[in-house]
C-alpha atoms as a PDB file:
ATOM      1  CA  UNK A   1      70.285 101.078  54.872  1.00  0.00           C
ATOM      2  CA  UNK A   2      70.483  97.566  55.951  1.00  0.00           C
ATOM      3  CA  UNK A   3      72.433  96.600  52.066  1.00  0.00           C
ATOM      4  CA  UNK A   4      74.844  99.796  52.267  1.00  0.00           C
ATOM      5  CA  UNK A   5      75.994  98.502  55.526  1.00  0.00           C
ATOM      6  CA  UNK A   6      76.560  94.605  54.478  1.00  0.00           C
ATOM      7  CA  UNK A   7      78.649  96.088  51.574  1.00  0.00           C
ATOM      8  CA  UNK A   8      80.668  98.475  53.504  1.00  0.00           C
ATOM      9  CA  UNK A   9      81.219  95.523  55.930  1.00  0.00           C
ATOM     10  CA  UNK A  10      82.034  93.536  52.808  1.00  0.00           C
ATOM     11  CA  UNK A  11      84.436  96.229  51.504  1.00  0.00           C
ATOM     12  CA  UNK A  12      86.143  96.222  55.217  1.00  0.00           C
ATOM     13  CA  UNK A  13      86.710  92.929  55.559  1.00  0.00           C
ATOM     14  CA  UNK A  14      88.258  92.474  51.754  1.00  0.00           C
ATOM     15  CA  UNK A  15      90.607  95.351  53.065  1.00  0.00           C
ATOM     16  CA  UNK A  16      91.815  94.096  55.887  1.00  0.00           C
ATOM     17  CA  UNK A  17      92.297  90.400  54.190  1.00  0.00           C
ATOM     18  CA  UNK A  18      94.823  92.365  52.044  1.00  0.00           C
ATOM     19  CA  UNK A  19      96.508  93.724  54.658  1.00  0.00           C
ATOM     20  CA  UNK A  20      96.820  90.599  56.500  1.00  0.00           C
ATOM     21  CA  UNK A  21      98.255  88.716  53.846  1.00  0.00           C
ATOM     22  CA  UNK A  22     100.787  91.423  53.041  1.00  0.00           C
ATOM     23  CA  UNK A  23     102.035  91.372  56.322  1.00  0.00           C
ATOM     24  CA  UNK A  24     101.908  87.700  56.083  1.00  0.00           C
ATOM     25  CA  UNK A  25     103.928  88.129  52.769  1.00  0.00           C
ATOM     26  CA  UNK A  26     106.615  90.718  54.538  1.00  0.00           C
ATOM     27  CA  UNK A  27     106.807  88.143  57.516  1.00  0.00           C
ATOM     28  CA  UNK A  28     107.878  85.129  55.391  1.00  0.00           C
ATOM     29  CA  UNK A  29     110.345  87.146  53.260  1.00  0.00           C
ATOM     30  CA  UNK A  30     111.942  88.666  56.795  1.00  0.00           C
ATOM     31  CA  UNK A  31     112.082  85.286  58.015  1.00  0.00           C
ATOM     32  CA  UNK A  32     113.809  84.052  55.009  1.00  0.00           C
ATOM     33  CA  UNK A  33     116.129  86.985  55.144  1.00  0.00           C
ATOM     34  CA  UNK A  34     117.056  86.498  58.974  1.00  0.00           C
ATOM     35  CA  UNK A  35     117.895  82.864  57.989  1.00  0.00           C
ATOM     36  CA  UNK A  36     120.082  83.569  55.114  1.00  0.00           C
ATOM     37  CA  UNK A  37     121.746  85.877  57.175  1.00  0.00           C
ATOM     38  CA  UNK A  38     122.004  83.026  59.924  1.00  0.00           C
ATOM     39  CA  UNK A  39     123.560  80.705  57.728  1.00  0.00           C
ATOM     40  CA  UNK A  40     125.710  83.510  56.604  1.00  0.00           C
ATOM     41  CA  UNK A  41     127.617  84.038  59.646  1.00  0.00           C
ATOM     42  CA  UNK A  42     127.569  80.255  60.791  1.00  0.00           C
ATOM     43  CA  UNK A  43     129.303  79.571  57.526  1.00  0.00           C
ATOM     44  CA  UNK A  44     131.941  82.852  58.156  1.00  0.00           C
ATOM     45  CA  UNK A  45     132.472  82.019  62.191  1.00  0.00           C
ATOM     46  CA  UNK A  46     133.298  77.821  60.681  1.00  0.00           C
ATOM     47  CA  UNK A  47     135.641  79.721  57.771  1.00  0.00           C
ATOM     48  CA  UNK A  48     137.042  81.277  59.896  1.00  0.00           C
ATOM     49  CA  UNK A  49     137.466  78.686  62.689  1.00  0.00           C
ATOM     50  CA  UNK A  50     139.074  76.219  59.981  1.00  0.00           C
ATOM     51  CA  UNK A  51     141.544  79.578  58.564  1.00  0.00           C
ATOM     52  CA  UNK A  52     144.908  77.666  58.549  1.00  0.00           C
ATOM     53  CA  UNK A  53     146.712  81.418  57.608  1.00  0.00           C
ATOM     54  CA  UNK A  54     145.592  83.216  60.714  1.00  0.00           C
ATOM     55  CA  UNK A  55     146.844  82.967  64.516  1.00  0.00           C
ATOM     56  CA  UNK A  56     144.584  82.688  67.530  1.00  0.00           C
ATOM     57  CA  UNK A  57     144.340  85.928  67.533  1.00  0.00           C
ATOM     58  CA  UNK A  58     143.320  87.133  64.392  1.00  0.00           C
ATOM     59  CA  UNK A  59     140.898  84.509  64.483  1.00  0.00           C
ATOM     60  CA  UNK A  60     139.215  85.851  67.326  1.00  0.00           C
ATOM     61  CA  UNK A  61     139.327  89.304  65.900  1.00  0.00           C
ATOM     62  CA  UNK A  62     137.632  88.263  62.747  1.00  0.00           C
ATOM     63  CA  UNK A  63     134.979  86.465  64.702  1.00  0.00           C
ATOM     64  CA  UNK A  64     134.490  89.436  67.228  1.00  0.00           C
ATOM     65  CA  UNK A  65     133.721  91.383  63.656  1.00  0.00           C
ATOM     66  CA  UNK A  66     131.423  88.822  62.466  1.00  0.00           C
ATOM     67  CA  UNK A  67     129.496  88.568  65.941  1.00  0.00           C
ATOM     68  CA  UNK A  68     129.461  92.094  66.316  1.00  0.00           C
ATOM     69  CA  UNK A  69     128.386  93.126  62.481  1.00  0.00           C
ATOM     70  CA  UNK A  70     127.027  90.270  61.255  1.00  0.00           C
ATOM     71  CA  UNK A  71     126.625  91.068  57.701  1.00  0.00           C
ATOM     72  CA  UNK A  72     129.327  93.655  57.304  1.00  0.00           C
ATOM     73  CA  UNK A  73     132.144  91.279  59.135  1.00  0.00           C
ATOM     74  CA  UNK A  74     130.942  87.859  57.130  1.00  0.00           C
ATOM     75  CA  UNK A  75     131.127  89.492  54.062  1.00  0.00           C
ATOM     76  CA  UNK A  76     134.177  91.380  54.656  1.00  0.00           C
ATOM     77  CA  UNK A  77     135.563  87.235  55.739  1.00  0.00           C
ATOM     78  CA  UNK A  78     134.309  86.082  52.915  1.00  0.00           C
ATOM     79  CA  UNK A  79     135.530  89.146  50.167  1.00  0.00           C
ATOM     80  CA  UNK A  80     138.333  90.433  52.083  1.00  0.00           C
ATOM     81  CA  UNK A  81     140.032  88.279  54.978  1.00  0.00           C
ATOM     82  CA  UNK A  82     140.116  84.437  53.590  1.00  0.00           C
ATOM     83  CA  UNK A  83     141.966  85.681  50.920  1.00  0.00           C
ATOM     84  CA  UNK A  84     144.050  88.610  52.589  1.00  0.00           C
ATOM     85  CA  UNK A  85     146.436  85.928  53.340  1.00  0.00           C
ATOM     86  CA  UNK A  86     146.711  83.754  50.385  1.00  0.00           C
ATOM     87  CA  UNK A  87     148.207  87.049  48.382  1.00  0.00           C
ATOM     88  CA  UNK A  88     151.386  87.850  50.860  1.00  0.00           C
END
């Protein structure tokens, strides 16, 4: 009985270690994604502030979109907003 309990305890420890490694990897991936999103939002806000083709209220609206909807607002700014005035 002693040998079996030692084997079961070792198996349980291995499963726990695998789960801990997976948790750490997931946390690391989420941290990298969060930092990338933060960098994107900061870049979008700086770009909005430096834009010369928009007036003050338009800049405030774009900045509000970027802050309220970080991913969609930032991508919208870089995809559409920054180029919208250049086309006109």
